[in-house]
Amino acid sequence: MPRTASKISARTAGNGHAKQRGKPAAAPAYQSPLMKLLYELTEMSYSAAKKLTIYSLAATESFAKGVIEMQRWASDWAKDTPVAPLLEEQQNIAREFVEQSVDVARRLWLLQLEREEEVTERAEEEMVQLARAQA
């Protein structure tokens, strides 16, 4: 069963804001309006990239399964021939390959999200410390 991006993994950043994977985080209270704007723009683009990734994985999986189904339909002529078991096995292998490939892609993407959250938390901590030092 593939994992989804909406699985919640609670984390607390050094600035006291709770982070949850797949859920938007509350914007930290930056003193500078420029920092706040930069944070909001980054969150919007990050959210759009996550949605695009989810959509492209689903679309790719759907397309590949459609191709396999079309191949099955195109090989219906061979169902009463000695070649039928070979074609069925080929389609089963292709179906398993697609499912496993999509599953691996989703798992790698979720792993990347976890790493990006850690990097984001460290960057936020550094930006808050820098903003405090400038104030």
C-alpha atoms as a PDB file:
ATOM      1  CA  MET A   1       0.000   0.000   0.000  1.00  0.00           C
ATOM      2  CA  PRO A   2       1.678   3.260  -1.089  1.00  0.00           C
ATOM      3  CA  ARG A   3       2.245   5.994   1.408  1.00  0.00           C
ATOM      4  CA  THR A   4       0.670   9.362   0.753  1.00  0.00           C
ATOM      5  CA  ALA A   5       1.958  12.857   1.224  1.00  0.00           C
ATOM      6  CA  SER A   6      -0.739  13.603   3.783  1.00  0.00           C
ATOM      7  CA  LYS A   7       0.791  11.306   6.416  1.00  0.00           C
ATOM      8  CA  ILE A   8       1.554  13.507   9.398  1.00  0.00           C
ATOM      9  CA  SER A   9       4.971  13.526  10.994  1.00  0.00           C
ATOM     10  CA  ALA A  10       5.044  16.079  13.815  1.00  0.00           C
ATOM     11  CA  ARG A  11       8.288  17.979  14.187  1.00  0.00           C
ATOM     12  CA  THR A  12       9.108  21.082  16.119  1.00  0.00           C
ATOM     13  CA  ALA A  13      11.517  23.577  14.665  1.00  0.00           C
ATOM     14  CA  GLY A  14      13.929  25.513  16.831  1.00  0.00           C
ATOM     15  CA  ASN A  15      11.711  28.599  16.517  1.00  0.00           C
ATOM     16  CA  GLY A  16       8.841  26.826  18.321  1.00  0.00           C
ATOM     17  CA  HIS A  17       6.602  26.280  15.296  1.00  0.00           C
ATOM     18  CA  ALA A  18       5.237  22.778  14.773  1.00  0.00           C
ATOM     19  CA  LYS A  19       5.947  21.296  11.348  1.00  0.00           C
ATOM     20  CA  GLN A  20       3.797  18.558   9.854  1.00  0.00           C
ATOM     21  CA  ARG A  21       4.570  16.804   6.592  1.00  0.00           C
ATOM     22  CA  GLY A  22       1.843  17.445   4.038  1.00  0.00           C
ATOM     23  CA  LYS A  23       0.304  20.241   6.113  1.00  0.00           C
ATOM     24  CA  PRO A  24       1.111  23.951   5.723  1.00  0.00           C
ATOM     25  CA  ALA A  25       3.101  25.379   8.602  1.00  0.00           C
ATOM     26  CA  ALA A  26       2.175  28.582  10.383  1.00  0.00           C
ATOM     27  CA  ALA A  27       4.351  31.442   9.218  1.00  0.00           C
ATOM     28  CA  PRO A  28       6.989  32.403  11.782  1.00  0.00           C
ATOM     29  CA  ALA A  29       6.723  35.918  13.180  1.00  0.00           C
ATOM     30  CA  TYR A  30       9.448  37.722  11.237  1.00  0.00           C
ATOM     31  CA  GLN A  31      10.108  41.337  12.125  1.00  0.00           C
ATOM     32  CA  SER A  32      11.074  42.235   8.574  1.00  0.00           C
ATOM     33  CA  PRO A  33       8.253  42.402   5.995  1.00  0.00           C
ATOM     34  CA  LEU A  34      10.737  41.302   3.352  1.00  0.00           C
ATOM     35  CA  MET A  35      11.525  38.120   5.290  1.00  0.00           C
ATOM     36  CA  LYS A  36       7.810  37.447   5.732  1.00  0.00           C
ATOM     37  CA  LEU A  37       7.191  37.947   1.994  1.00  0.00           C
ATOM     38  CA  LEU A  38      10.118  35.671   1.114  1.00  0.00           C
ATOM     39  CA  TYR A  39       8.798  33.005   3.472  1.00  0.00           C
ATOM     40  CA  GLU A  40       5.276  33.195   1.995  1.00  0.00           C
ATOM     41  CA  LEU A  41       6.550  33.041  -1.595  1.00  0.00           C
ATOM     42  CA  THR A  42       8.729  30.052  -0.746  1.00  0.00           C
ATOM     43  CA  GLU A  43       5.807  28.251   0.891  1.00  0.00           C
ATOM     44  CA  MET A  44       3.560  28.897  -2.133  1.00  0.00           C
ATOM     45  CA  SER A  45       6.108  27.606  -4.633  1.00  0.00           C
ATOM     46  CA  TYR A  46       6.956  24.607  -2.435  1.00  0.00           C
ATOM     47  CA  SER A  47       3.270  23.730  -2.120  1.00  0.00           C
ATOM     48  CA  ALA A  48       2.785  24.024  -5.878  1.00  0.00           C
ATOM     49  CA  ALA A  49       5.812  21.798  -6.527  1.00  0.00           C
ATOM     50  CA  LYS A  50       4.476  19.145  -4.144  1.00  0.00           C
ATOM     51  CA  LYS A  51       1.071  19.171  -5.854  1.00  0.00           C
ATOM     52  CA  LEU A  52       2.719  18.953  -9.275  1.00  0.00           C
ATOM     53  CA  THR A  53       4.809  15.982  -8.157  1.00  0.00           C
ATOM     54  CA  ILE A  54       1.780  14.154  -6.775  1.00  0.00           C
ATOM     55  CA  TYR A  55      -0.151  14.839  -9.981  1.00  0.00           C
ATOM     56  CA  SER A  56       2.673  13.714 -12.266  1.00  0.00           C
ATOM     57  CA  LEU A  57       3.192  10.466 -10.359  1.00  0.00           C
ATOM     58  CA  ALA A  58      -0.539   9.701 -10.548  1.00  0.00           C
ATOM     59  CA  ALA A  59      -0.736  10.674 -14.230  1.00  0.00           C
ATOM     60  CA  THR A  60       2.307   8.578 -15.121  1.00  0.00           C
ATOM     61  CA  GLU A  61       0.908   5.572 -13.281  1.00  0.00           C
ATOM     62  CA  SER A  62      -2.467   5.985 -14.971  1.00  0.00           C
ATOM     63  CA  PHE A  63      -0.859   6.325 -18.408  1.00  0.00           C
ATOM     64  CA  ALA A  64       1.315   3.231 -17.925  1.00  0.00           C
ATOM     65  CA  LYS A  65      -1.642   1.155 -16.743  1.00  0.00           C
ATOM     66  CA  GLY A  66      -3.629   2.381 -19.750  1.00  0.00           C
ATOM     67  CA  VAL A  67      -0.857   1.282 -22.096  1.00  0.00           C
ATOM     68  CA  ILE A  68      -0.804  -2.161 -20.485  1.00  0.00           C
ATOM     69  CA  GLU A  69      -4.598  -2.395 -20.801  1.00  0.00           C
ATOM     70  CA  MET A  70      -4.386  -1.369 -24.456  1.00  0.00           C
ATOM     71  CA  GLN A  71      -1.730  -4.018 -25.014  1.00  0.00           C
ATOM     72  CA  ARG A  72      -4.054  -6.606 -23.432  1.00  0.00           C
ATOM     73  CA  TRP A  73      -6.902  -5.458 -25.675  1.00  0.00           C
ATOM     74  CA  ALA A  74      -4.669  -5.560 -28.772  1.00  0.00           C
ATOM     75  CA  SER A  75      -3.551  -9.097 -27.983  1.00  0.00           C
ATOM     76  CA  ASP A  76      -7.071 -10.518 -27.569  1.00  0.00           C
ATOM     77  CA  TRP A  77      -6.670 -12.180 -30.975  1.00  0.00           C
ATOM     78  CA  ALA A  78      -4.151 -14.572 -29.403  1.00  0.00           C
ATOM     79  CA  LYS A  79      -6.267 -15.862 -26.528  1.00  0.00           C
ATOM     80  CA  ASP A  80      -6.881 -19.255 -28.146  1.00  0.00           C
ATOM     81  CA  THR A  81      -3.351 -19.715 -29.473  1.00  0.00           C
ATOM     82  CA  PRO A  82      -0.232 -21.195 -27.857  1.00  0.00           C
ATOM     83  CA  VAL A  83       1.183 -17.659 -27.539  1.00  0.00           C
ATOM     84  CA  ALA A  84      -1.575 -16.533 -25.109  1.00  0.00           C
ATOM     85  CA  PRO A  85       0.184 -17.591 -21.862  1.00  0.00           C
ATOM     86  CA  LEU A  86       3.349 -15.797 -22.954  1.00  0.00           C
ATOM     87  CA  LEU A  87       1.449 -12.556 -23.675  1.00  0.00           C
ATOM     88  CA  GLU A  88      -0.454 -12.779 -20.374  1.00  0.00           C
ATOM     89  CA  GLU A  89       2.777 -13.262 -18.429  1.00  0.00           C
ATOM     90  CA  GLN A  90       4.375 -10.345 -20.251  1.00  0.00           C
ATOM     91  CA  GLN A  91       1.439  -8.130 -19.269  1.00  0.00           C
ATOM     92  CA  ASN A  92       1.576  -9.329 -15.655  1.00  0.00           C
ATOM     93  CA  ILE A  93       5.299  -8.561 -15.471  1.00  0.00           C
ATOM     94  CA  ALA A  94       4.727  -5.120 -16.994  1.00  0.00           C
ATOM     95  CA  ARG A  95       1.896  -4.409 -14.522  1.00  0.00           C
ATOM     96  CA  GLU A  96       4.073  -5.435 -11.548  1.00  0.00           C
ATOM     97  CA  PHE A  97       6.956  -3.345 -12.882  1.00  0.00           C
ATOM     98  CA  VAL A  98       4.748  -0.256 -13.144  1.00  0.00           C
ATOM     99  CA  GLU A  99       3.326  -0.728  -9.639  1.00  0.00           C
ATOM    100  CA  GLN A 100       6.755  -1.264  -8.078  1.00  0.00           C
ATOM    101  CA  SER A 101       8.306   1.645  -9.982  1.00  0.00           C
ATOM    102  CA  VAL A 102       5.590   4.058  -8.900  1.00  0.00           C
ATOM    103  CA  ASP A 103       5.845   2.811  -5.318  1.00  0.00           C
ATOM    104  CA  VAL A 104       9.622   3.353  -5.313  1.00  0.00           C
ATOM    105  CA  ALA A 105       9.198   6.832  -6.839  1.00  0.00           C
ATOM    106  CA  ARG A 106       6.666   7.791  -4.148  1.00  0.00           C
ATOM    107  CA  ARG A 107       8.887   6.475  -1.356  1.00  0.00           C
ATOM    108  CA  LEU A 108      11.917   8.348  -2.701  1.00  0.00           C
ATOM    109  CA  TRP A 109       9.835  11.499  -2.999  1.00  0.00           C
ATOM    110  CA  LEU A 110       8.645  11.175   0.614  1.00  0.00           C
ATOM    111  CA  LEU A 111      12.219  10.601   1.763  1.00  0.00           C
ATOM    112  CA  GLN A 112      13.265  13.742  -0.106  1.00  0.00           C
ATOM    113  CA  LEU A 113      10.441  15.690   1.564  1.00  0.00           C
ATOM    114  CA  GLU A 114      11.666  14.613   4.991  1.00  0.00           C
ATOM    115  CA  ARG A 115      15.198  15.752   4.190  1.00  0.00           C
ATOM    116  CA  GLU A 116      13.944  19.058   2.798  1.00  0.00           C
ATOM    117  CA  GLU A 117      11.966  19.669   5.993  1.00  0.00           C
ATOM    118  CA  GLU A 118      15.112  19.192   8.063  1.00  0.00           C
ATOM    119  CA  VAL A 119      17.037  21.618   5.853  1.00  0.00           C
ATOM    120  CA  THR A 120      14.143  24.101   5.976  1.00  0.00           C
ATOM    121  CA  GLU A 121      14.051  23.940   9.753  1.00  0.00           C
ATOM    122  CA  ARG A 122      17.781  24.683   9.980  1.00  0.00           C
ATOM    123  CA  ALA A 123      17.466  27.554   7.480  1.00  0.00           C
ATOM    124  CA  GLU A 124      14.538  29.039   9.429  1.00  0.00           C
ATOM    125  CA  GLU A 125      16.548  28.864  12.640  1.00  0.00           C
ATOM    126  CA  GLU A 126      19.453  30.649  10.995  1.00  0.00           C
ATOM    127  CA  MET A 127      17.181  33.326   9.484  1.00  0.00           C
ATOM    128  CA  VAL A 128      15.505  33.966  12.860  1.00  0.00           C
ATOM    129  CA  GLN A 129      18.888  34.247  14.572  1.00  0.00           C
ATOM    130  CA  LEU A 130      20.097  36.618  11.847  1.00  0.00           C
ATOM    131  CA  ALA A 131      16.933  38.731  12.119  1.00  0.00           C
ATOM    132  CA  ARG A 132      17.338  38.938  15.911  1.00  0.00           C
ATOM    133  CA  ALA A 133      20.967  39.928  15.544  1.00  0.00           C
ATOM    134  CA  GLN A 134      20.051  42.723  13.110  1.00  0.00           C
ATOM    135  CA  ALA A 135      17.273  44.064  15.367  1.00  0.00           C
END
